[in-house]
C-alpha atoms as a PDB file:
ATOM      1  CA  MET A   1     142.058  94.940  87.691  1.00  0.00           C
ATOM      2  CA  ASN A   2     141.342  93.408  84.915  1.00  0.00           C
ATOM      3  CA  THR A   3     138.670  95.751  82.697  1.00  0.00           C
ATOM      4  CA  THR A   4     137.763  95.162  79.126  1.00  0.00           C
ATOM      5  CA  TYR A   5     137.578  98.757  76.802  1.00  0.00           C
ATOM      6  CA  ASN A   6     134.330  98.357  76.180  1.00  0.00           C
ATOM      7  CA  GLU A   7     133.455  97.973  80.311  1.00  0.00           C
ATOM      8  CA  SER A   8     135.118 101.010  80.973  1.00  0.00           C
ATOM      9  CA  LEU A   9     133.418 103.529  78.229  1.00  0.00           C
ATOM     10  CA  SER A  10     130.418 102.093  79.515  1.00  0.00           C
ATOM     11  CA  ALA A  11     130.966 103.235  82.834  1.00  0.00           C
ATOM     12  CA  ALA A  12     132.766 106.048  82.113  1.00  0.00           C
ATOM     13  CA  SER A  13     129.783 107.921  79.654  1.00  0.00           C
ATOM     14  CA  GLY A  14     127.296 106.296  81.808  1.00  0.00           C
ATOM     15  CA  LYS A  15     124.690 105.921  79.155  1.00  0.00           C
ATOM     16  CA  GLU A  16     122.480 103.341  78.616  1.00  0.00           C
ATOM     17  CA  SER A  17     121.915 101.868  75.113  1.00  0.00           C
ATOM     18  CA  TRP A  18     118.605 101.676  73.251  1.00  0.00           C
ATOM     19  CA  LYS A  19     118.003  98.457  71.324  1.00  0.00           C
ATOM     20  CA  ARG A  20     116.899  98.748  68.010  1.00  0.00           C
ATOM     21  CA  GLY A  21     113.512  96.644  68.581  1.00  0.00           C
ATOM     22  CA  ASP A  22     113.415  99.645  71.835  1.00  0.00           C
ATOM     23  CA  THR A  23     113.889 102.984  69.987  1.00  0.00           C
ATOM     24  CA  ALA A  24     111.254 101.462  66.616  1.00  0.00           C
ATOM     25  CA  LYS A  25     108.746 100.645  68.883  1.00  0.00           C
ATOM     26  CA  ARG A  26     109.156 104.118  71.100  1.00  0.00           C
ATOM     27  CA  VAL A  27     108.651 106.147  67.629  1.00  0.00           C
ATOM     28  CA  TYR A  28     105.533 104.446  66.234  1.00  0.00           C
ATOM     29  CA  ASP A  29     104.045 104.799  69.747  1.00  0.00           C
ATOM     30  CA  PHE A  30     105.238 108.533  69.890  1.00  0.00           C
ATOM     31  CA  GLU A  31     103.695 109.132  66.151  1.00  0.00           C
ATOM     32  CA  THR A  32     100.571 107.485  66.915  1.00  0.00           C
ATOM     33  CA  ARG A  33      99.735 108.931  69.967  1.00  0.00           C
ATOM     34  CA  GLU A  34      96.822 111.027  70.720  1.00  0.00           C
ATOM     35  CA  GLN A  35      97.387 114.549  69.151  1.00  0.00           C
ATOM     36  CA  SER A  36      96.936 116.109  72.521  1.00  0.00           C
ATOM     37  CA  VAL A  37     100.028 114.287  74.102  1.00  0.00           C
ATOM     38  CA  SER A  38     103.476 116.912  73.820  1.00  0.00           C
ATOM     39  CA  GLN A  39     106.799 115.598  72.715  1.00  0.00           C
ATOM     40  CA  ARG A  40     107.467 116.447  76.441  1.00  0.00           C
ATOM     41  CA  ASP A  41     105.095 114.533  78.238  1.00  0.00           C
ATOM     42  CA  PHE A  42     105.606 111.286  75.713  1.00  0.00           C
ATOM     43  CA  ALA A  43     109.140 111.042  76.507  1.00  0.00           C
ATOM     44  CA  LYS A  44     108.735 111.646  80.590  1.00  0.00           C
ATOM     45  CA  ASN A  45     105.509 109.105  80.196  1.00  0.00           C
ATOM     46  CA  ASN A  46     107.694 106.088  78.270  1.00  0.00           C
ATOM     47  CA  ASN A  47     111.099 107.291  81.042  1.00  0.00           C
ATOM     48  CA  VAL A  48     113.301 108.504  77.749  1.00  0.00           C
ATOM     49  CA  PRO A  49     115.618 111.039  77.739  1.00  0.00           C
ATOM     50  CA  ARG A  50     113.353 113.605  75.349  1.00  0.00           C
ATOM     51  CA  SER A  51     116.514 114.371  73.220  1.00  0.00           C
ATOM     52  CA  SER A  52     116.896 110.598  72.949  1.00  0.00           C
ATOM     53  CA  LEU A  53     112.743 110.884  71.332  1.00  0.00           C
ATOM     54  CA  ARG A  54     113.796 114.489  69.468  1.00  0.00           C
ATOM     55  CA  TYR A  55     116.818 112.533  67.889  1.00  0.00           C
ATOM     56  CA  TRP A  56     115.010 109.118  67.145  1.00  0.00           C
ATOM     57  CA  VAL A  57     112.408 110.368  65.221  1.00  0.00           C
ATOM     58  CA  ALA A  58     114.313 113.489  63.325  1.00  0.00           C
ATOM     59  CA  ARG A  59     116.906 110.057  62.371  1.00  0.00           C
ATOM     60  CA  LYS A  60     113.137 108.227  61.267  1.00  0.00           C
ATOM     61  CA  ASN A  61     112.035 111.322  58.722  1.00  0.00           C
ATOM     62  CA  ASN A  62     115.457 112.146  57.014  1.00  0.00           C
ATOM     63  CA  ILE A  63     115.787 108.340  55.832  1.00  0.00           C
ATOM     64  CA  ASP A  64     115.615 107.753  51.786  1.00  0.00           C
ATOM     65  CA  ALA A  65     114.380 105.036  51.786  1.00  0.00           C
END
């Protein structure tokens, strides 16, 4: 069996990697949404784990620039 380290790592974690452009778009869409839509509902409607969305938003808010 010839499996590279990267292939075995992604198979073991089972986590999906998000591209920077996709995450930025989802954070932007979340921040410009109607205020009546909760973070939980937004994540569910956009097929994003709520924990990932919460992390992305928190990370953006902590940028020094």
